[in-house]
Amino acid sequence: MDGGLIVTLVSIAMFAGTFLLGFIPLFFKLSERRLQFVTILGAGLLCGTAMAVVIPEGMDLLGETWRASCSDLTSSLNASDNKHVNSTVTTPSPKFFIGLALTLGFILMFVVDQIGSYLSTREHKNQVGITATLGLVIHAAADGFALGAAVATDKVTVQVIVFCAVILHKAPAACGLVSFLMHAGLQKKYIQGHLLAFSAAAPILAITSYFILRASGSSTQSQFSATGVGMLFSAGTFLYVATVHILPEVSRTTKPSSEHQQLSEDKDTHQRQLGLLESLTLIAGMGLPLLLALGLNDN
């Protein structure tokens, strides 16, 4: 199937799924405990997908480009009549680009969180929820970029695993966003508008990034290089969102500061260790992409 058609169909499915799941808190009382387990599973999937699928795939694509470049350079030097040229000259190693792409992806999400925190302290009541939605939209856009890069690899295994990681990460995020906006007192029509923006961000970026990567060069080598960098960049965003954003939040609980303050509005926020079942859920989420990668072999 054509890659453009695949990314379009997947994006439509992701938009519909995220938008519909976001309506759950509007019509049903969602158990915070169950939502937390889905969030933990999503965090594990993001970590596992980044480490077991996205990073190896990105490195492999850059490695193929590097080996092809070395082969082309060696062939051209061997065919040259200039005997003073050293035929052992090689192109730069891709190690630097691997580290750079991962670091930039991580830094981007860090900057987004810092800007969001700064704006939230200066947010007026009539702007409540805008900062939270904006931050989640940017996070979702990074997810969409990862999905677009995955489809550009033309490998079914990578596409399936990245899609599963993204949708299981976005589902609790959509429910959490709607719950937060309801708590903030926004009207239903405004909540639906925020949810629409969040749901559309990843599909739009998935389609856009796919066609940009496909048009990144006339040669297959250039496309491989751009796609590899895109995969590694998205892996950096995955790792940040999972380890810095999601896991600290699910381990944070708000409890009364003392037994005598059960009816008081002043509460303390405490960090707690994940329970056994929560830890197993996280580990299962991290291991699932590896099992999928073993079971869905393709070239």
C-alpha atoms as a PDB file:
ATOM      1  CA  MET A   1       0.000   0.000   0.000  1.00  0.00           C
ATOM      2  CA  ASP A   2       1.220   3.516  -0.782  1.00  0.00           C
ATOM      3  CA  GLY A   3       2.831   5.297   2.173  1.00  0.00           C
ATOM      4  CA  GLY A   4       0.776   8.443   1.660  1.00  0.00           C
ATOM      5  CA  LEU A   5      -2.448   6.455   1.876  1.00  0.00           C
ATOM      6  CA  ILE A   6      -1.208   4.593   4.958  1.00  0.00           C
ATOM      7  CA  VAL A   7      -0.279   7.753   6.879  1.00  0.00           C
ATOM      8  CA  THR A   8      -3.614   9.354   5.914  1.00  0.00           C
ATOM      9  CA  LEU A   9      -5.700   6.376   7.081  1.00  0.00           C
ATOM     10  CA  VAL A  10      -3.680   5.998  10.283  1.00  0.00           C
ATOM     11  CA  SER A  11      -3.999   9.716  11.004  1.00  0.00           C
ATOM     12  CA  ILE A  12      -7.770   9.621  10.520  1.00  0.00           C
ATOM     13  CA  ALA A  13      -8.022   6.629  12.862  1.00  0.00           C
ATOM     14  CA  MET A  14      -5.829   8.369  15.447  1.00  0.00           C
ATOM     15  CA  PHE A  15      -7.894  11.575  15.274  1.00  0.00           C
ATOM     16  CA  ALA A  16     -11.201   9.733  15.615  1.00  0.00           C
ATOM     17  CA  GLY A  17      -9.945   7.541  18.444  1.00  0.00           C
ATOM     18  CA  THR A  18      -8.445  10.410  20.440  1.00  0.00           C
ATOM     19  CA  PHE A  19     -11.469  12.669  19.946  1.00  0.00           C
ATOM     20  CA  LEU A  20     -13.981   9.985  20.937  1.00  0.00           C
ATOM     21  CA  LEU A  21     -11.950   8.841  23.949  1.00  0.00           C
ATOM     22  CA  GLY A  22     -11.728  12.441  25.111  1.00  0.00           C
ATOM     23  CA  PHE A  23     -15.528  12.522  25.445  1.00  0.00           C
ATOM     24  CA  ILE A  24     -15.515   9.782  28.077  1.00  0.00           C
ATOM     25  CA  PRO A  25     -15.156  12.148  31.093  1.00  0.00           C
ATOM     26  CA  LEU A  26     -18.039  14.264  29.743  1.00  0.00           C
ATOM     27  CA  PHE A  27     -20.495  11.368  29.841  1.00  0.00           C
ATOM     28  CA  PHE A  28     -19.056   8.844  32.305  1.00  0.00           C
ATOM     29  CA  LYS A  29     -17.447   9.094  35.705  1.00  0.00           C
ATOM     30  CA  LEU A  30     -13.951   7.848  34.981  1.00  0.00           C
ATOM     31  CA  SER A  31     -12.098   5.930  37.662  1.00  0.00           C
ATOM     32  CA  GLU A  32      -8.891   7.777  38.476  1.00  0.00           C
ATOM     33  CA  ARG A  33      -7.247   4.482  39.383  1.00  0.00           C
ATOM     34  CA  ARG A  34      -7.966   2.902  35.996  1.00  0.00           C
ATOM     35  CA  LEU A  35      -6.889   6.034  34.151  1.00  0.00           C
ATOM     36  CA  GLN A  36      -3.632   5.974  36.095  1.00  0.00           C
ATOM     37  CA  PHE A  37      -2.892   2.403  34.966  1.00  0.00           C
ATOM     38  CA  VAL A  38      -3.528   3.345  31.341  1.00  0.00           C
ATOM     39  CA  THR A  39      -1.199   6.323  31.789  1.00  0.00           C
ATOM     40  CA  ILE A  40       1.539   4.129  33.283  1.00  0.00           C
ATOM     41  CA  LEU A  41       1.138   1.602  30.467  1.00  0.00           C
ATOM     42  CA  GLY A  42       1.421   4.450  27.959  1.00  0.00           C
ATOM     43  CA  ALA A  43       4.593   5.719  29.626  1.00  0.00           C
ATOM     44  CA  GLY A  44       6.109   2.245  29.468  1.00  0.00           C
ATOM     45  CA  LEU A  45       5.164   1.919  25.801  1.00  0.00           C
ATOM     46  CA  LEU A  46       6.782   5.252  24.990  1.00  0.00           C
ATOM     47  CA  CYS A  47      10.027   4.256  26.725  1.00  0.00           C
ATOM     48  CA  GLY A  48      10.048   0.772  25.236  1.00  0.00           C
ATOM     49  CA  THR A  49       9.216   2.032  21.765  1.00  0.00           C
ATOM     50  CA  ALA A  50      11.950   4.660  21.908  1.00  0.00           C
ATOM     51  CA  MET A  51      14.637   2.273  23.190  1.00  0.00           C
ATOM     52  CA  ALA A  52      13.704  -0.976  21.431  1.00  0.00           C
ATOM     53  CA  VAL A  53      12.297   0.265  18.121  1.00  0.00           C
ATOM     54  CA  VAL A  54      12.740   3.943  17.241  1.00  0.00           C
ATOM     55  CA  ILE A  55      16.392   4.439  18.262  1.00  0.00           C
ATOM     56  CA  PRO A  56      17.643   1.174  16.650  1.00  0.00           C
ATOM     57  CA  GLU A  57      15.659   1.929  13.493  1.00  0.00           C
ATOM     58  CA  GLY A  58      16.974   5.477  13.290  1.00  0.00           C
ATOM     59  CA  MET A  59      20.542   4.296  13.820  1.00  0.00           C
ATOM     60  CA  ASP A  60      20.090   1.593  11.182  1.00  0.00           C
ATOM     61  CA  LEU A  61      18.816   4.117   8.619  1.00  0.00           C
ATOM     62  CA  LEU A  62      21.715   6.477   9.292  1.00  0.00           C
ATOM     63  CA  GLY A  63      24.106   3.525   9.175  1.00  0.00           C
ATOM     64  CA  GLU A  64      22.784   2.505   5.764  1.00  0.00           C
ATOM     65  CA  THR A  65      23.273   6.058   4.513  1.00  0.00           C
ATOM     66  CA  TRP A  66      26.810   6.185   5.891  1.00  0.00           C
ATOM     67  CA  ARG A  67      27.767   2.836   4.378  1.00  0.00           C
ATOM     68  CA  ALA A  68      26.299   3.855   1.026  1.00  0.00           C
ATOM     69  CA  SER A  69      28.218   7.133   1.156  1.00  0.00           C
ATOM     70  CA  CYS A  70      31.458   5.313   1.932  1.00  0.00           C
ATOM     71  CA  SER A  71      30.855   2.869  -0.916  1.00  0.00           C
ATOM     72  CA  ASP A  72      30.143   5.661  -3.403  1.00  0.00           C
ATOM     73  CA  LEU A  73      33.196   7.628  -2.287  1.00  0.00           C
ATOM     74  CA  THR A  74      35.478   4.605  -2.496  1.00  0.00           C
ATOM     75  CA  SER A  75      34.188   3.752  -5.965  1.00  0.00           C
ATOM     76  CA  SER A  76      34.755   7.283  -7.219  1.00  0.00           C
ATOM     77  CA  LEU A  77      38.256   7.405  -5.757  1.00  0.00           C
ATOM     78  CA  ASN A  78      39.197   4.019  -7.212  1.00  0.00           C
ATOM     79  CA  ALA A  79      37.995   5.171 -10.606  1.00  0.00           C
ATOM     80  CA  SER A  80      39.983   8.392 -10.390  1.00  0.00           C
ATOM     81  CA  ASP A  81      43.223   8.737 -12.332  1.00  0.00           C
ATOM     82  CA  ASN A  82      44.743  10.818  -9.536  1.00  0.00           C
ATOM     83  CA  LYS A  83      47.207   8.465  -7.853  1.00  0.00           C
ATOM     84  CA  HIS A  84      47.853  10.896  -5.000  1.00  0.00           C
ATOM     85  CA  VAL A  85      44.288  10.521  -3.696  1.00  0.00           C
ATOM     86  CA  ASN A  86      43.964   8.178  -0.726  1.00  0.00           C
ATOM     87  CA  SER A  87      41.258   5.621  -1.516  1.00  0.00           C
ATOM     88  CA  THR A  88      40.718   4.916   2.200  1.00  0.00           C
ATOM     89  CA  VAL A  89      39.070   8.315   2.844  1.00  0.00           C
ATOM     90  CA  THR A  90      35.689   7.879   4.519  1.00  0.00           C
ATOM     91  CA  THR A  91      32.722  10.107   5.233  1.00  0.00           C
ATOM     92  CA  PRO A  92      32.058  11.366   8.795  1.00  0.00           C
ATOM     93  CA  SER A  93      30.612   8.844  11.242  1.00  0.00           C
ATOM     94  CA  PRO A  94      26.855   9.188  11.956  1.00  0.00           C
ATOM     95  CA  LYS A  95      27.452   9.018  15.730  1.00  0.00           C
ATOM     96  CA  PHE A  96      27.341  12.791  16.084  1.00  0.00           C
ATOM     97  CA  PHE A  97      24.010  13.064  14.253  1.00  0.00           C
ATOM     98  CA  ILE A  98      22.533  10.256  16.369  1.00  0.00           C
ATOM     99  CA  GLY A  99      23.409  12.060  19.597  1.00  0.00           C
ATOM    100  CA  LEU A 100      22.390  15.446  18.207  1.00  0.00           C
ATOM    101  CA  ALA A 101      18.922  14.283  17.089  1.00  0.00           C
ATOM    102  CA  LEU A 102      18.193  12.547  20.413  1.00  0.00           C
ATOM    103  CA  THR A 103      19.373  15.550  22.422  1.00  0.00           C
ATOM    104  CA  LEU A 104      17.428  18.089  20.369  1.00  0.00           C
ATOM    105  CA  GLY A 105      14.215  16.071  20.743  1.00  0.00           C
ATOM    106  CA  PHE A 106      14.691  15.917  24.516  1.00  0.00           C
ATOM    107  CA  ILE A 107      15.555  19.630  24.743  1.00  0.00           C
ATOM    108  CA  LEU A 108      12.524  20.644  22.661  1.00  0.00           C
ATOM    109  CA  MET A 109      10.076  19.034  25.082  1.00  0.00           C
ATOM    110  CA  PHE A 110      11.977  20.489  28.060  1.00  0.00           C
ATOM    111  CA  VAL A 111      11.678  23.995  26.596  1.00  0.00           C
ATOM    112  CA  VAL A 112       7.965  23.437  25.901  1.00  0.00           C
ATOM    113  CA  ASP A 113       7.357  22.422  29.518  1.00  0.00           C
ATOM    114  CA  GLN A 114       9.327  25.391  30.851  1.00  0.00           C
ATOM    115  CA  ILE A 115       7.429  27.859  28.681  1.00  0.00           C
ATOM    116  CA  GLY A 116       4.146  26.250  29.720  1.00  0.00           C
ATOM    117  CA  SER A 117       5.057  26.536  33.407  1.00  0.00           C
ATOM    118  CA  TYR A 118       6.033  30.175  32.954  1.00  0.00           C
ATOM    119  CA  LEU A 119       2.814  31.081  31.155  1.00  0.00           C
ATOM    120  CA  SER A 120       0.614  29.205  33.629  1.00  0.00           C
ATOM    121  CA  THR A 121       1.811  31.423  36.494  1.00  0.00           C
ATOM    122  CA  ARG A 122       0.590  34.482  34.558  1.00  0.00           C
ATOM    123  CA  GLU A 123      -2.611  33.023  33.236  1.00  0.00           C
ATOM    124  CA  HIS A 124      -5.834  34.953  33.837  1.00  0.00           C
ATOM    125  CA  LYS A 125      -9.039  33.238  34.782  1.00  0.00           C
ATOM    126  CA  ASN A 126     -10.570  33.807  31.352  1.00  0.00           C
ATOM    127  CA  GLN A 127      -7.564  32.097  29.807  1.00  0.00           C
ATOM    128  CA  VAL A 128      -7.641  29.049  32.025  1.00  0.00           C
ATOM    129  CA  GLY A 129      -6.868  25.840  30.182  1.00  0.00           C
ATOM    130  CA  ILE A 130      -5.188  27.519  27.197  1.00  0.00           C
ATOM    131  CA  THR A 131      -1.676  26.872  28.481  1.00  0.00           C
ATOM    132  CA  ALA A 132      -2.447  23.253  29.361  1.00  0.00           C
ATOM    133  CA  THR A 133      -4.003  22.663  25.949  1.00  0.00           C
ATOM    134  CA  LEU A 134      -1.141  24.393  24.135  1.00  0.00           C
ATOM    135  CA  GLY A 135       1.437  22.249  25.911  1.00  0.00           C
ATOM    136  CA  LEU A 136      -0.448  19.046  25.095  1.00  0.00           C
ATOM    137  CA  VAL A 137      -0.918  20.139  21.466  1.00  0.00           C
ATOM    138  CA  ILE A 138       2.858  20.571  21.093  1.00  0.00           C
ATOM    139  CA  HIS A 139       3.413  17.185  22.743  1.00  0.00           C
ATOM    140  CA  ALA A 140       0.879  15.655  20.366  1.00  0.00           C
ATOM    141  CA  ALA A 141       2.615  17.309  17.419  1.00  0.00           C
ATOM    142  CA  ALA A 142       5.842  15.569  18.430  1.00  0.00           C
ATOM    143  CA  ASP A 143       3.936  12.268  18.513  1.00  0.00           C
ATOM    144  CA  GLY A 144       2.635  12.997  15.027  1.00  0.00           C
ATOM    145  CA  PHE A 145       6.156  13.661  13.779  1.00  0.00           C
ATOM    146  CA  ALA A 146       7.231  10.288  15.158  1.00  0.00           C
ATOM    147  CA  LEU A 147       4.363   8.545  13.389  1.00  0.00           C
ATOM    148  CA  GLY A 148       5.117  10.299  10.097  1.00  0.00           C
ATOM    149  CA  ALA A 149       8.757   9.272  10.326  1.00  0.00           C
ATOM    150  CA  ALA A 150       7.715   5.698  11.146  1.00  0.00           C
ATOM    151  CA  VAL A 151       5.523   5.453   8.039  1.00  0.00           C
ATOM    152  CA  ALA A 152       8.358   6.910   5.957  1.00  0.00           C
ATOM    153  CA  THR A 153      10.513   3.883   6.868  1.00  0.00           C
ATOM    154  CA  ASP A 154       8.135   1.600   4.912  1.00  0.00           C
ATOM    155  CA  LYS A 155       8.482  -0.997   7.690  1.00  0.00           C
ATOM    156  CA  VAL A 156       5.228  -2.412   9.055  1.00  0.00           C
ATOM    157  CA  THR A 157       6.776  -3.377  12.398  1.00  0.00           C
ATOM    158  CA  VAL A 158       7.896   0.164  13.153  1.00  0.00           C
ATOM    159  CA  GLN A 159       4.580   1.626  11.991  1.00  0.00           C
ATOM    160  CA  VAL A 160       2.456  -0.681  14.151  1.00  0.00           C
ATOM    161  CA  ILE A 161       4.527  -0.264  17.308  1.00  0.00           C
ATOM    162  CA  VAL A 162       4.819   3.514  17.062  1.00  0.00           C
ATOM    163  CA  PHE A 163       1.078   3.835  16.392  1.00  0.00           C
ATOM    164  CA  CYS A 164       0.230   1.676  19.429  1.00  0.00           C
ATOM    165  CA  ALA A 165       2.575   3.693  21.642  1.00  0.00           C
ATOM    166  CA  VAL A 166       1.179   7.005  20.430  1.00  0.00           C
ATOM    167  CA  ILE A 167      -2.511   6.120  20.735  1.00  0.00           C
ATOM    168  CA  LEU A 168      -2.123   4.558  24.199  1.00  0.00           C
ATOM    169  CA  HIS A 169      -0.254   7.671  25.287  1.00  0.00           C
ATOM    170  CA  LYS A 170      -2.817  10.055  23.799  1.00  0.00           C
ATOM    171  CA  ALA A 171      -5.907   8.298  25.208  1.00  0.00           C
ATOM    172  CA  PRO A 172      -5.288   9.129  28.889  1.00  0.00           C
ATOM    173  CA  ALA A 173      -3.906  12.539  27.888  1.00  0.00           C
ATOM    174  CA  ALA A 174      -7.204  13.370  26.131  1.00  0.00           C
ATOM    175  CA  CYS A 175      -9.241  12.205  29.125  1.00  0.00           C
ATOM    176  CA  GLY A 176      -6.975  14.105  31.489  1.00  0.00           C
ATOM    177  CA  LEU A 177      -7.258  17.309  29.458  1.00  0.00           C
ATOM    178  CA  VAL A 178     -11.063  17.156  29.365  1.00  0.00           C
ATOM    179  CA  SER A 179     -11.245  16.370  33.094  1.00  0.00           C
ATOM    180  CA  PHE A 180      -8.982  19.329  33.862  1.00  0.00           C
ATOM    181  CA  LEU A 181     -11.050  21.704  31.724  1.00  0.00           C
ATOM    182  CA  MET A 182     -14.282  20.469  33.337  1.00  0.00           C
ATOM    183  CA  HIS A 183     -12.776  21.080  36.767  1.00  0.00           C
ATOM    184  CA  ALA A 184     -11.743  24.565  35.623  1.00  0.00           C
ATOM    185  CA  GLY A 185     -15.371  25.317  34.839  1.00  0.00           C
ATOM    186  CA  LEU A 186     -15.223  25.709  31.062  1.00  0.00           C
ATOM    187  CA  GLN A 187     -18.394  25.276  29.065  1.00  0.00           C
ATOM    188  CA  LYS A 188     -18.825  22.089  27.058  1.00  0.00           C
ATOM    189  CA  LYS A 189     -18.492  23.855  23.686  1.00  0.00           C
ATOM    190  CA  TYR A 190     -15.125  25.324  24.694  1.00  0.00           C
ATOM    191  CA  ILE A 191     -13.947  21.968  26.044  1.00  0.00           C
ATOM    192  CA  GLN A 192     -14.832  20.379  22.717  1.00  0.00           C
ATOM    193  CA  GLY A 193     -12.791  23.040  20.918  1.00  0.00           C
ATOM    194  CA  HIS A 194      -9.726  22.328  23.080  1.00  0.00           C
ATOM    195  CA  LEU A 195     -10.185  18.579  22.533  1.00  0.00           C
ATOM    196  CA  LEU A 196     -10.505  19.106  18.778  1.00  0.00           C
ATOM    197  CA  ALA A 197      -7.205  21.040  18.666  1.00  0.00           C
ATOM    198  CA  PHE A 198      -5.438  18.366  20.707  1.00  0.00           C
ATOM    199  CA  SER A 199      -6.862  15.503  18.626  1.00  0.00           C
ATOM    200  CA  ALA A 200      -5.958  17.144  15.297  1.00  0.00           C
ATOM    201  CA  ALA A 201      -2.358  18.083  16.161  1.00  0.00           C
ATOM    202  CA  ALA A 202      -0.774  14.628  15.811  1.00  0.00           C
ATOM    203  CA  PRO A 203      -2.585  13.615  12.582  1.00  0.00           C
ATOM    204  CA  ILE A 204      -1.713  16.915  10.876  1.00  0.00           C
ATOM    205  CA  LEU A 205       1.957  16.646  11.838  1.00  0.00           C
ATOM    206  CA  ALA A 206       2.056  12.946  10.881  1.00  0.00           C
ATOM    207  CA  ILE A 207       0.873  13.657   7.352  1.00  0.00           C
ATOM    208  CA  THR A 208       3.016  16.793   7.007  1.00  0.00           C
ATOM    209  CA  SER A 209       6.218  15.195   8.319  1.00  0.00           C
ATOM    210  CA  TYR A 210       5.745  12.118   6.116  1.00  0.00           C
ATOM    211  CA  PHE A 211       5.588  14.134   2.911  1.00  0.00           C
ATOM    212  CA  ILE A 212       8.418  16.434   4.025  1.00  0.00           C
ATOM    213  CA  LEU A 213      10.658  13.431   4.708  1.00  0.00           C
ATOM    214  CA  ARG A 214       9.687  11.868   1.389  1.00  0.00           C
ATOM    215  CA  ALA A 215      10.566  15.100  -0.402  1.00  0.00           C
ATOM    216  CA  SER A 216      13.795  15.619   1.540  1.00  0.00           C
ATOM    217  CA  GLY A 217      15.977  14.491  -1.348  1.00  0.00           C
ATOM    218  CA  SER A 218      15.853  13.045  -4.805  1.00  0.00           C
ATOM    219  CA  SER A 219      17.881  10.006  -3.801  1.00  0.00           C
ATOM    220  CA  THR A 220      16.868   7.116  -1.569  1.00  0.00           C
ATOM    221  CA  GLN A 221      20.027   7.783   0.437  1.00  0.00           C
ATOM    222  CA  SER A 222      18.888  11.330   1.302  1.00  0.00           C
ATOM    223  CA  GLN A 223      15.440  10.074   2.309  1.00  0.00           C
ATOM    224  CA  PHE A 224      16.956   7.407   4.553  1.00  0.00           C
ATOM    225  CA  SER A 225      19.156  10.001   6.234  1.00  0.00           C
ATOM    226  CA  ALA A 226      16.304  12.452   6.869  1.00  0.00           C
ATOM    227  CA  THR A 227      13.992   9.688   8.103  1.00  0.00           C
ATOM    228  CA  GLY A 228      16.679   8.334  10.432  1.00  0.00           C
ATOM    229  CA  VAL A 229      17.262  11.757  11.969  1.00  0.00           C
ATOM    230  CA  GLY A 230      13.491  12.200  12.305  1.00  0.00           C
ATOM    231  CA  MET A 231      13.132   8.864  14.086  1.00  0.00           C
ATOM    232  CA  LEU A 232      15.921   9.699  16.547  1.00  0.00           C
ATOM    233  CA  PHE A 233      14.518  13.179  17.176  1.00  0.00           C
ATOM    234  CA  SER A 234      11.120  11.689  17.986  1.00  0.00           C
ATOM    235  CA  ALA A 235      12.790   9.132  20.283  1.00  0.00           C
ATOM    236  CA  GLY A 236      14.215  12.029  22.287  1.00  0.00           C
ATOM    237  CA  THR A 237      10.727  13.517  22.669  1.00  0.00           C
ATOM    238  CA  PHE A 238       9.317  10.109  23.676  1.00  0.00           C
ATOM    239  CA  LEU A 239      11.937   9.663  26.386  1.00  0.00           C
ATOM    240  CA  TYR A 240      11.340  13.131  27.804  1.00  0.00           C
ATOM    241  CA  VAL A 241       7.545  12.837  27.873  1.00  0.00           C
ATOM    242  CA  ALA A 242       7.668   9.396  29.510  1.00  0.00           C
ATOM    243  CA  THR A 243      10.430   9.888  32.083  1.00  0.00           C
ATOM    244  CA  VAL A 244      10.143  13.577  32.982  1.00  0.00           C
ATOM    245  CA  HIS A 245       6.498  14.394  32.346  1.00  0.00           C
ATOM    246  CA  ILE A 246       4.313  11.306  32.831  1.00  0.00           C
ATOM    247  CA  LEU A 247       6.010   9.141  35.464  1.00  0.00           C
ATOM    248  CA  PRO A 248       6.552  11.944  38.016  1.00  0.00           C
ATOM    249  CA  GLU A 249       2.882  12.896  37.652  1.00  0.00           C
ATOM    250  CA  VAL A 250       1.510   9.395  38.224  1.00  0.00           C
ATOM    251  CA  SER A 251       3.718   9.021  41.306  1.00  0.00           C
ATOM    252  CA  ARG A 252       2.499  12.334  42.714  1.00  0.00           C
ATOM    253  CA  THR A 253      -0.444  12.206  45.084  1.00  0.00           C
ATOM    254  CA  THR A 254      -2.235  14.996  46.881  1.00  0.00           C
ATOM    255  CA  LYS A 255      -3.090  14.226  50.466  1.00  0.00           C
ATOM    256  CA  PRO A 256      -4.122  16.248  53.522  1.00  0.00           C
ATOM    257  CA  SER A 257      -1.044  17.412  55.444  1.00  0.00           C
ATOM    258  CA  SER A 258      -2.354  15.875  58.673  1.00  0.00           C
ATOM    259  CA  GLU A 259      -5.244  13.792  59.978  1.00  0.00           C
ATOM    260  CA  HIS A 260      -6.701  16.895  61.634  1.00  0.00           C
ATOM    261  CA  GLN A 261      -6.950  18.660  58.297  1.00  0.00           C
ATOM    262  CA  GLN A 262      -9.258  16.222  56.524  1.00  0.00           C
ATOM    263  CA  LEU A 263     -11.778  18.997  55.925  1.00  0.00           C
ATOM    264  CA  SER A 264      -9.207  21.676  55.189  1.00  0.00           C
ATOM    265  CA  GLU A 265      -8.535  22.975  51.701  1.00  0.00           C
ATOM    266  CA  ASP A 266      -4.792  23.171  52.336  1.00  0.00           C
ATOM    267  CA  LYS A 267      -3.214  19.978  51.032  1.00  0.00           C
ATOM    268  CA  ASP A 268       0.323  18.813  50.455  1.00  0.00           C
ATOM    269  CA  THR A 269       1.606  17.081  47.357  1.00  0.00           C
ATOM    270  CA  HIS A 270       3.691  13.997  48.091  1.00  0.00           C
ATOM    271  CA  GLN A 271       5.860  11.779  45.957  1.00  0.00           C
ATOM    272  CA  ARG A 272       5.259   8.076  46.393  1.00  0.00           C
ATOM    273  CA  GLN A 273       6.757   4.911  45.039  1.00  0.00           C
ATOM    274  CA  LEU A 274       4.816   2.999  42.411  1.00  0.00           C
ATOM    275  CA  GLY A 275       3.062  -0.076  43.760  1.00  0.00           C
ATOM    276  CA  LEU A 276       3.874  -3.609  42.643  1.00  0.00           C
ATOM    277  CA  LEU A 277       1.017  -3.797  40.127  1.00  0.00           C
ATOM    278  CA  GLU A 278       1.861  -0.324  38.791  1.00  0.00           C
ATOM    279  CA  SER A 279       5.533  -1.264  38.435  1.00  0.00           C
ATOM    280  CA  LEU A 280       4.631  -4.476  36.605  1.00  0.00           C
ATOM    281  CA  THR A 281       2.362  -2.466  34.303  1.00  0.00           C
ATOM    282  CA  LEU A 282       5.245  -0.114  33.487  1.00  0.00           C
ATOM    283  CA  ILE A 283       7.628  -3.023  32.842  1.00  0.00           C
ATOM    284  CA  ALA A 284       5.023  -4.755  30.670  1.00  0.00           C
ATOM    285  CA  GLY A 285       4.603  -1.568  28.669  1.00  0.00           C
ATOM    286  CA  MET A 286       8.349  -1.320  28.127  1.00  0.00           C
ATOM    287  CA  GLY A 287       8.648  -4.962  27.118  1.00  0.00           C
ATOM    288  CA  LEU A 288       5.671  -5.068  24.765  1.00  0.00           C
ATOM    289  CA  PRO A 289       7.368  -3.146  21.890  1.00  0.00           C
ATOM    290  CA  LEU A 290      10.291  -5.566  22.026  1.00  0.00           C
ATOM    291  CA  LEU A 291       7.958  -8.572  21.805  1.00  0.00           C
ATOM    292  CA  LEU A 292       6.069  -6.964  18.933  1.00  0.00           C
ATOM    293  CA  ALA A 293       9.336  -6.273  17.147  1.00  0.00           C
ATOM    294  CA  LEU A 294      10.274  -9.949  17.462  1.00  0.00           C
ATOM    295  CA  GLY A 295       6.871 -11.146  16.313  1.00  0.00           C
ATOM    296  CA  LEU A 296       6.458  -8.748  13.406  1.00  0.00           C
ATOM    297  CA  ASN A 297       9.603  -9.295  11.412  1.00  0.00           C
ATOM    298  CA  ASP A 298       9.997  -7.364   8.196  1.00  0.00           C
ATOM    299  CA  ASN A 299      12.832  -5.906   6.184  1.00  0.00           C
END
